[in-house]
Amino acid sequence: MKKLLGILVLGLLLSSNAYAYDSTKYAICYGEMTNAHKARGLHKSNRALSIKIKETVCKSYANGEHNSYEGKQ
């Protein structure tokens, strides 16, 4: 029982660091995607969709689930 509990605790500790949210990465992603959407006209033509896309993609990027996004420099 102690071994099982130890394995469970260790697994939780290791998995929690795998997707640590990085607010700096989110802010940079959001700004660069805004510039890309403005260049394509999406920001002006459908702002609600542009915001939804940026929030979804940048959250994923900040969590480490994706390595790239539109407009990444």
Protein backbone atom coordinates (compact mmCIF):
# COMPACT_ATOMS: atom_id res chain seq x y z
CA MET A 1 0.00 0.00 0.00
CA LYS A 2 2.85 2.40 0.83
CA LYS A 3 4.52 1.66 -2.50
CA LEU A 4 1.31 2.39 -4.37
CA LEU A 5 0.83 5.65 -2.50
CA GLY A 6 4.45 6.63 -3.16
CA ILE A 7 4.09 5.93 -6.87
CA LEU A 8 0.87 7.93 -7.02
CA VAL A 9 2.40 10.95 -5.25
CA LEU A 10 5.52 10.82 -7.42
CA GLY A 11 3.40 10.61 -10.56
CA LEU A 12 1.37 13.65 -9.54
CA LEU A 13 4.48 15.66 -8.78
CA LEU A 14 6.05 14.84 -12.13
CA SER A 15 2.91 15.41 -14.18
CA SER A 16 2.12 18.79 -12.60
CA ASN A 17 5.38 20.26 -13.91
CA ALA A 18 4.79 19.00 -17.44
CA TYR A 19 2.10 21.58 -18.18
CA ALA A 20 3.07 24.56 -16.05
CA TYR A 21 1.26 27.70 -17.20
CA ASP A 22 3.59 30.52 -18.30
CA SER A 23 1.85 33.92 -18.33
CA THR A 24 4.76 35.56 -20.18
CA LYS A 25 4.45 33.08 -23.04
CA TYR A 26 0.69 33.76 -23.13
CA ALA A 27 1.17 37.54 -23.37
CA ILE A 28 3.78 37.28 -26.14
CA CYS A 29 1.65 34.79 -28.07
CA TYR A 30 -1.45 36.98 -27.76
CA GLY A 31 0.37 40.07 -29.02
CA GLU A 32 1.98 38.34 -31.97
CA MET A 33 -1.27 36.63 -32.97
CA THR A 34 -3.09 39.98 -32.76
CA ASN A 35 -0.57 41.46 -35.20
CA ALA A 36 -1.01 38.48 -37.54
CA HIS A 37 -4.82 38.75 -37.39
CA LYS A 38 -4.66 42.48 -38.08
CA ALA A 39 -2.43 41.84 -41.11
CA ARG A 40 -4.93 39.29 -42.48
CA GLY A 41 -7.97 41.40 -41.66
CA LEU A 42 -9.52 38.89 -39.25
CA HIS A 43 -9.14 41.23 -36.28
CA LYS A 44 -11.32 43.84 -37.95
CA SER A 45 -13.80 41.64 -39.83
CA ASN A 46 -14.60 39.18 -37.01
CA ARG A 47 -13.13 40.37 -33.73
CA ALA A 48 -15.06 37.89 -31.57
CA LEU A 49 -13.66 34.94 -33.53
CA SER A 50 -10.18 36.46 -33.46
CA ILE A 51 -10.30 36.78 -29.66
CA LYS A 52 -11.61 33.24 -29.20
CA ILE A 53 -8.86 31.80 -31.42
CA LYS A 54 -6.14 33.79 -29.64
CA GLU A 55 -7.35 32.79 -26.18
CA THR A 56 -7.58 29.11 -27.07
CA VAL A 57 -4.27 28.88 -28.90
CA CYS A 58 -2.29 31.00 -26.45
CA LYS A 59 -3.58 29.09 -23.40
CA SER A 60 -2.48 25.89 -25.06
CA TYR A 61 0.91 27.39 -25.94
CA ALA A 62 1.41 28.79 -22.42
CA ASN A 63 0.64 25.35 -20.96
CA GLY A 64 3.30 23.76 -23.17
CA GLU A 65 0.82 21.74 -25.22
CA HIS A 66 1.91 23.34 -28.53
CA ASN A 67 5.21 24.71 -29.76
CA SER A 68 4.03 27.13 -32.41
CA TYR A 69 1.22 29.50 -33.39
CA GLU A 70 0.27 31.88 -36.17
CA GLY A 71 2.54 34.90 -36.22
CA LYS A 72 5.26 33.41 -34.00
CA GLN A 73 8.57 35.17 -34.54
